[in-house]
């Protein structure tokens, strides 16, 4: 059986400058930076920015209008400290608490996650599955 893995995801936003500033700060603790940007004149539809690690943009922002309903995106990380750092950075960047870092045994005994609403209301999470 072939394993299917998402290669990248795109989030439509109403305010590209605000979204980019938020995600640059919120995702910095887990190694994400803006790696690519293309103007609407190039894409044919909207300005876009790709954030990622190690030269690969996995998370794209598209200035094509606020996405509704709000969505949930979870970023997998290696350590619980990264979850904590994401949460602190996201709150400092203007996000709002939607679940402080902690164990979520409802999912499994070592599910350690933190949830933040971005400025447009999307539920953004960092999660670590390691046992400590």
N, C-alpha and C. Protein backbone atom coordinates (compact mmCIF):
# COMPACT_ATOMS: atom_id res chain seq x y z
N UNK A 1 0.84 -1.17 0.00
CA UNK A 1 0.00 0.00 0.00
C UNK A 1 0.89 1.24 0.00
N UNK A 2 0.54 2.22 -0.78
CA UNK A 2 1.28 3.47 -0.87
C UNK A 2 0.88 4.39 0.28
N UNK A 3 1.86 4.94 0.94
CA UNK A 3 1.60 5.91 2.00
C UNK A 3 1.42 7.27 1.36
N UNK A 4 0.34 7.94 1.72
CA UNK A 4 0.06 9.27 1.18
C UNK A 4 0.45 10.30 2.24
N UNK A 5 1.27 11.25 1.83
CA UNK A 5 1.72 12.31 2.72
C UNK A 5 1.48 13.64 2.03
N UNK A 6 0.96 14.60 2.76
CA UNK A 6 0.77 15.92 2.18
C UNK A 6 2.12 16.54 1.85
N UNK A 7 2.23 17.13 0.68
CA UNK A 7 3.47 17.79 0.28
C UNK A 7 3.48 19.25 0.71
N UNK A 8 2.33 19.90 0.58
CA UNK A 8 2.21 21.29 1.02
C UNK A 8 0.73 21.64 1.15
N UNK A 9 0.49 22.76 1.80
CA UNK A 9 -0.88 23.23 2.00
C UNK A 9 -0.90 24.73 1.83
N UNK A 10 -2.03 25.27 1.38
CA UNK A 10 -2.17 26.70 1.17
C UNK A 10 -3.35 27.23 1.97
N UNK A 11 -3.17 28.38 2.56
CA UNK A 11 -4.21 29.03 3.35
C UNK A 11 -4.52 30.38 2.72
N UNK A 12 -5.78 30.61 2.37
CA UNK A 12 -6.19 31.90 1.83
C UNK A 12 -6.35 32.89 2.97
N UNK A 13 -5.83 34.10 2.78
CA UNK A 13 -5.89 35.12 3.82
C UNK A 13 -6.42 36.44 3.25
N UNK A 14 -7.07 37.21 4.11
CA UNK A 14 -7.61 38.50 3.71
C UNK A 14 -6.60 39.62 3.82
N UNK A 15 -5.68 39.50 4.76
CA UNK A 15 -4.66 40.52 4.97
C UNK A 15 -3.28 39.86 4.92
N UNK A 16 -2.68 39.88 3.75
CA UNK A 16 -1.42 39.19 3.53
C UNK A 16 -0.30 39.71 4.41
N UNK A 17 -0.19 41.02 4.55
CA UNK A 17 0.89 41.57 5.38
C UNK A 17 0.76 41.11 6.82
N UNK A 18 -0.44 41.15 7.37
CA UNK A 18 -0.66 40.72 8.75
C UNK A 18 -0.42 39.23 8.90
N UNK A 19 -0.92 38.44 7.95
CA UNK A 19 -0.75 36.98 8.02
C UNK A 19 0.72 36.60 7.90
N UNK A 20 1.42 37.21 6.97
CA UNK A 20 2.84 36.89 6.80
C UNK A 20 3.62 37.24 8.07
N UNK A 21 3.37 38.42 8.63
CA UNK A 21 4.07 38.83 9.85
C UNK A 21 3.77 37.86 10.99
N UNK A 22 2.51 37.45 11.13
CA UNK A 22 2.14 36.51 12.19
C UNK A 22 2.86 35.18 12.01
N UNK A 23 2.76 34.60 10.81
CA UNK A 23 3.35 33.27 10.60
C UNK A 23 4.87 33.27 10.62
N UNK A 24 5.49 34.35 10.16
CA UNK A 24 6.95 34.43 10.27
C UNK A 24 7.39 34.32 11.72
N UNK A 25 6.69 35.02 12.61
CA UNK A 25 7.04 35.00 14.03
C UNK A 25 6.59 33.72 14.72
N UNK A 26 5.37 33.29 14.44
CA UNK A 26 4.81 32.12 15.13
C UNK A 26 5.54 30.83 14.77
N UNK A 27 5.98 30.72 13.52
CA UNK A 27 6.61 29.47 13.07
C UNK A 27 8.14 29.50 13.15
N UNK A 28 8.71 30.64 13.48
CA UNK A 28 10.17 30.73 13.61
C UNK A 28 10.75 29.73 14.61
N UNK A 29 10.12 29.51 15.77
CA UNK A 29 10.69 28.56 16.73
C UNK A 29 10.76 27.12 16.22
N UNK A 30 9.97 26.80 15.20
CA UNK A 30 10.04 25.44 14.66
C UNK A 30 10.79 25.41 13.32
N UNK A 31 11.52 26.49 13.05
CA UNK A 31 12.44 26.52 11.91
C UNK A 31 11.88 27.03 10.60
N UNK A 32 10.63 27.45 10.57
CA UNK A 32 10.03 27.93 9.33
C UNK A 32 10.44 29.37 9.05
N UNK A 33 10.75 29.65 7.79
CA UNK A 33 11.00 31.01 7.31
C UNK A 33 10.31 31.17 5.97
N UNK A 34 10.16 32.40 5.51
CA UNK A 34 9.62 32.64 4.17
C UNK A 34 10.72 32.27 3.19
N UNK A 35 10.41 31.33 2.31
CA UNK A 35 11.40 30.84 1.34
C UNK A 35 11.12 31.31 -0.08
N UNK A 36 9.85 31.58 -0.39
CA UNK A 36 9.49 32.00 -1.74
C UNK A 36 8.34 32.98 -1.67
N UNK A 37 8.32 33.91 -2.62
CA UNK A 37 7.21 34.84 -2.76
C UNK A 37 6.98 35.09 -4.24
N UNK A 38 5.70 35.14 -4.62
CA UNK A 38 5.34 35.43 -6.00
C UNK A 38 4.20 36.43 -6.01
N UNK A 39 4.30 37.48 -6.83
CA UNK A 39 3.22 38.47 -6.91
C UNK A 39 2.06 37.93 -7.75
N UNK A 40 0.92 38.57 -7.59
CA UNK A 40 -0.27 38.18 -8.36
C UNK A 40 -0.02 38.24 -9.86
N UNK A 41 0.83 39.17 -10.28
CA UNK A 41 1.14 39.28 -11.72
C UNK A 41 1.82 38.01 -12.24
N UNK A 42 2.45 37.27 -11.35
CA UNK A 42 3.12 36.04 -11.74
C UNK A 42 2.20 34.82 -11.59
N UNK A 43 1.41 34.79 -10.52
CA UNK A 43 0.53 33.63 -10.29
C UNK A 43 -0.76 33.71 -11.08
N UNK A 44 -1.14 34.91 -11.47
CA UNK A 44 -2.38 35.09 -12.20
C UNK A 44 -3.59 35.27 -11.31
N UNK A 45 -3.42 35.13 -10.00
CA UNK A 45 -4.56 35.27 -9.10
C UNK A 45 -4.28 36.12 -7.87
N UNK A 46 -3.24 35.82 -7.12
CA UNK A 46 -2.99 36.51 -5.85
C UNK A 46 -1.52 36.46 -5.49
N UNK A 47 -1.11 37.40 -4.64
CA UNK A 47 0.23 37.33 -4.06
C UNK A 47 0.29 36.08 -3.19
N UNK A 48 1.43 35.39 -3.22
CA UNK A 48 1.60 34.20 -2.39
C UNK A 48 2.98 34.23 -1.72
N UNK A 49 3.05 33.57 -0.57
CA UNK A 49 4.33 33.42 0.14
C UNK A 49 4.40 32.00 0.65
N UNK A 50 5.54 31.35 0.44
CA UNK A 50 5.75 29.99 0.89
C UNK A 50 6.72 29.93 2.05
N UNK A 51 6.28 29.36 3.16
CA UNK A 51 7.12 29.19 4.34
C UNK A 51 7.50 27.73 4.48
N UNK A 52 8.71 27.49 4.97
CA UNK A 52 9.13 26.11 5.14
C UNK A 52 10.48 26.01 5.81
N UNK A 53 11.03 24.82 5.72
CA UNK A 53 12.33 24.53 6.32
C UNK A 53 13.21 23.83 5.30
N UNK A 54 14.51 23.99 5.48
CA UNK A 54 15.50 23.31 4.63
C UNK A 54 15.23 23.50 3.14
N UNK A 55 14.85 24.72 2.76
CA UNK A 55 14.66 25.06 1.36
C UNK A 55 13.36 24.61 0.73
N UNK A 56 12.46 23.99 1.48
CA UNK A 56 11.20 23.48 0.93
C UNK A 56 10.02 24.19 1.58
N UNK A 57 9.25 24.96 0.78
CA UNK A 57 8.06 25.60 1.33
C UNK A 57 6.91 24.59 1.44
N UNK A 58 6.49 24.33 2.66
CA UNK A 58 5.41 23.39 2.93
C UNK A 58 4.09 24.10 3.20
N UNK A 59 4.17 25.35 3.62
CA UNK A 59 3.00 26.10 4.04
C UNK A 59 2.92 27.41 3.25
N UNK A 60 1.86 27.56 2.48
CA UNK A 60 1.72 28.71 1.61
C UNK A 60 0.59 29.61 2.10
N UNK A 61 0.81 30.91 1.98
CA UNK A 61 -0.22 31.91 2.23
C UNK A 61 -0.60 32.50 0.89
N UNK A 62 -1.88 32.67 0.65
CA UNK A 62 -2.37 33.24 -0.59
C UNK A 62 -3.31 34.40 -0.27
N UNK A 63 -3.02 35.57 -0.83
CA UNK A 63 -3.83 36.76 -0.58
C UNK A 63 -5.07 36.76 -1.46
N UNK A 64 -5.84 35.69 -1.37
CA UNK A 64 -7.03 35.55 -2.21
C UNK A 64 -8.33 35.74 -1.43
N UNK A 65 -8.24 36.31 -0.24
CA UNK A 65 -9.42 36.59 0.56
C UNK A 65 -9.50 35.70 1.78
N UNK A 66 -10.10 36.22 2.84
CA UNK A 66 -10.19 35.46 4.08
C UNK A 66 -10.95 34.17 3.86
N UNK A 67 -10.35 33.09 4.30
CA UNK A 67 -10.92 31.75 4.14
C UNK A 67 -11.95 31.49 5.23
N UNK A 68 -13.14 31.11 4.81
CA UNK A 68 -14.17 30.73 5.77
C UNK A 68 -14.83 29.44 5.29
N UNK A 69 -15.20 28.58 6.19
CA UNK A 69 -14.97 28.72 7.62
C UNK A 69 -13.48 28.59 7.95
N UNK A 70 -13.16 28.95 9.18
CA UNK A 70 -11.77 28.83 9.63
C UNK A 70 -11.34 27.37 9.57
N UNK A 71 -10.06 27.15 9.43
CA UNK A 71 -9.53 25.79 9.30
C UNK A 71 -8.57 25.47 10.44
N UNK A 72 -8.18 24.21 10.53
CA UNK A 72 -7.22 23.76 11.53
C UNK A 72 -6.01 23.19 10.81
N UNK A 73 -4.84 23.69 11.17
CA UNK A 73 -3.59 23.18 10.61
C UNK A 73 -2.66 22.84 11.76
N UNK A 74 -2.11 21.63 11.76
CA UNK A 74 -1.19 21.20 12.81
C UNK A 74 0.19 20.98 12.23
N UNK A 75 1.19 21.55 12.88
CA UNK A 75 2.58 21.39 12.50
C UNK A 75 3.22 20.39 13.46
N UNK A 76 3.72 19.29 12.93
CA UNK A 76 4.39 18.29 13.75
C UNK A 76 5.81 18.73 14.07
N UNK A 77 6.19 18.60 15.34
CA UNK A 77 7.53 18.97 15.77
C UNK A 77 8.15 17.80 16.54
N UNK A 78 9.44 17.88 16.77
CA UNK A 78 10.17 16.79 17.41
C UNK A 78 10.12 16.80 18.93
N UNK A 79 10.02 18.00 19.54
CA UNK A 79 10.12 18.09 20.99
C UNK A 79 8.98 18.90 21.59
N UNK A 80 8.72 18.63 22.85
CA UNK A 80 7.72 19.41 23.58
C UNK A 80 8.17 20.85 23.75
N UNK A 81 9.48 21.06 23.86
CA UNK A 81 10.00 22.43 23.97
C UNK A 81 9.65 23.24 22.72
N UNK A 82 9.64 22.61 21.56
CA UNK A 82 9.25 23.31 20.33
C UNK A 82 7.78 23.68 20.37
N UNK A 83 6.94 22.81 20.93
CA UNK A 83 5.52 23.14 21.08
C UNK A 83 5.39 24.38 21.96
N UNK A 84 6.08 24.38 23.08
CA UNK A 84 6.03 25.50 24.01
C UNK A 84 6.50 26.79 23.33
N UNK A 85 7.61 26.71 22.60
CA UNK A 85 8.18 27.88 21.93
C UNK A 85 7.24 28.41 20.85
N UNK A 86 6.62 27.50 20.08
CA UNK A 86 5.62 27.91 19.09
C UNK A 86 4.50 28.69 19.76
N UNK A 87 3.96 28.13 20.83
CA UNK A 87 2.83 28.75 21.52
C UNK A 87 3.19 30.16 21.98
N UNK A 88 4.32 30.30 22.64
CA UNK A 88 4.75 31.61 23.14
C UNK A 88 4.94 32.61 21.99
N UNK A 89 5.58 32.16 20.92
CA UNK A 89 5.82 33.04 19.77
C UNK A 89 4.51 33.44 19.09
N UNK A 90 3.60 32.49 18.94
CA UNK A 90 2.33 32.77 18.28
C UNK A 90 1.48 33.75 19.09
N UNK A 91 1.48 33.59 20.41
CA UNK A 91 0.75 34.53 21.26
C UNK A 91 1.39 35.92 21.17
N UNK A 92 2.71 35.99 21.23
CA UNK A 92 3.42 37.26 21.13
C UNK A 92 3.20 37.93 19.77
N UNK A 93 2.96 37.13 18.73
CA UNK A 93 2.76 37.66 17.38
C UNK A 93 1.33 38.12 17.13
N UNK A 94 0.46 37.98 18.13
CA UNK A 94 -0.92 38.45 17.97
C UNK A 94 -1.96 37.37 17.91
N UNK A 95 -1.55 36.12 18.08
CA UNK A 95 -2.52 35.03 18.12
C UNK A 95 -3.24 35.01 19.47
N UNK A 96 -4.33 34.27 19.53
CA UNK A 96 -5.06 34.13 20.79
C UNK A 96 -5.08 32.67 21.22
N UNK A 97 -5.03 32.48 22.52
CA UNK A 97 -4.99 31.14 23.09
C UNK A 97 -6.21 30.33 22.68
N UNK A 98 -5.98 29.11 22.26
CA UNK A 98 -7.05 28.17 21.97
C UNK A 98 -6.72 26.81 22.59
N UNK A 99 -5.78 26.79 23.52
CA UNK A 99 -5.37 25.57 24.20
C UNK A 99 -3.89 25.60 24.49
N UNK A 100 -3.54 25.93 25.72
CA UNK A 100 -2.13 26.03 26.12
C UNK A 100 -1.42 24.69 25.95
N UNK A 101 -0.09 24.70 25.89
CA UNK A 101 0.66 23.45 25.74
C UNK A 101 0.31 22.45 26.83
N UNK A 102 0.15 21.20 26.39
CA UNK A 102 -0.14 20.15 27.35
C UNK A 102 -0.47 18.84 26.68
N UNK A 103 -0.58 17.81 27.50
CA UNK A 103 -0.95 16.47 27.03
C UNK A 103 -2.43 16.47 26.67
N UNK A 104 -2.75 15.83 25.56
CA UNK A 104 -4.14 15.65 25.13
C UNK A 104 -4.38 14.14 25.04
N UNK A 105 -4.62 13.52 26.19
CA UNK A 105 -4.78 12.06 26.25
C UNK A 105 -5.96 11.55 25.44
N UNK A 106 -6.89 12.43 25.11
CA UNK A 106 -8.03 12.02 24.29
C UNK A 106 -7.54 11.47 22.95
N UNK A 107 -6.40 11.99 22.46
CA UNK A 107 -5.84 11.54 21.18
C UNK A 107 -4.94 10.32 21.37
N UNK A 108 -4.00 10.42 22.30
CA UNK A 108 -3.18 9.29 22.74
C UNK A 108 -2.32 9.77 23.91
N UNK A 109 -1.73 8.86 24.68
CA UNK A 109 -1.07 9.24 25.94
C UNK A 109 0.10 10.21 25.83
N UNK A 110 0.76 10.30 24.67
CA UNK A 110 1.90 11.21 24.56
C UNK A 110 1.64 12.38 23.61
N UNK A 111 0.39 12.62 23.26
CA UNK A 111 0.04 13.73 22.37
C UNK A 111 0.19 15.03 23.14
N UNK A 112 1.24 15.81 22.80
CA UNK A 112 1.52 17.08 23.47
C UNK A 112 1.34 18.19 22.44
N UNK A 113 0.34 19.02 22.64
CA UNK A 113 0.05 20.04 21.65
C UNK A 113 -0.30 21.37 22.26
N UNK A 114 -0.29 22.39 21.42
CA UNK A 114 -0.72 23.74 21.78
C UNK A 114 -1.48 24.32 20.60
N UNK A 115 -2.52 25.06 20.90
CA UNK A 115 -3.42 25.60 19.88
C UNK A 115 -3.54 27.11 20.02
N UNK A 116 -3.44 27.81 18.88
CA UNK A 116 -3.55 29.27 18.84
C UNK A 116 -4.43 29.65 17.66
N UNK A 117 -5.29 30.61 17.87
CA UNK A 117 -6.06 31.18 16.76
C UNK A 117 -5.22 32.28 16.12
N UNK A 118 -5.05 32.20 14.80
CA UNK A 118 -4.30 33.25 14.11
C UNK A 118 -5.18 34.50 14.00
N UNK A 119 -4.68 35.62 13.48
CA UNK A 119 -5.48 36.85 13.41
C UNK A 119 -6.76 36.73 12.59
N UNK A 120 -6.86 35.72 11.73
CA UNK A 120 -8.08 35.54 10.94
C UNK A 120 -8.97 34.42 11.50
N UNK A 121 -8.59 33.87 12.64
CA UNK A 121 -9.44 32.89 13.31
C UNK A 121 -9.11 31.43 13.06
N UNK A 122 -8.09 31.14 12.27
CA UNK A 122 -7.71 29.75 12.01
C UNK A 122 -7.06 29.14 13.25
N UNK A 123 -7.31 27.86 13.48
CA UNK A 123 -6.77 27.14 14.63
C UNK A 123 -5.44 26.51 14.23
N UNK A 124 -4.36 27.08 14.70
CA UNK A 124 -3.02 26.63 14.34
C UNK A 124 -2.42 25.89 15.53
N UNK A 125 -1.84 24.74 15.26
CA UNK A 125 -1.35 23.88 16.33
C UNK A 125 0.09 23.44 16.06
N UNK A 126 0.83 23.25 17.13
CA UNK A 126 2.10 22.53 17.07
C UNK A 126 1.90 21.30 17.94
N UNK A 127 2.35 20.14 17.45
CA UNK A 127 2.13 18.89 18.18
C UNK A 127 3.39 18.04 18.16
N UNK A 128 3.66 17.42 19.30
CA UNK A 128 4.77 16.47 19.44
C UNK A 128 4.19 15.16 19.95
N UNK A 129 4.58 14.07 19.32
CA UNK A 129 4.07 12.74 19.70
C UNK A 129 5.09 11.95 20.53
N UNK A 130 6.26 12.53 20.74
CA UNK A 130 7.32 11.84 21.49
C UNK A 130 6.93 11.66 22.96
N UNK A 131 7.42 10.61 23.60
CA UNK A 131 7.04 10.36 24.99
C UNK A 131 7.64 11.31 26.01
N UNK A 132 8.46 12.22 25.68
CA UNK A 132 8.96 13.30 26.57
C UNK A 132 10.12 13.99 25.98
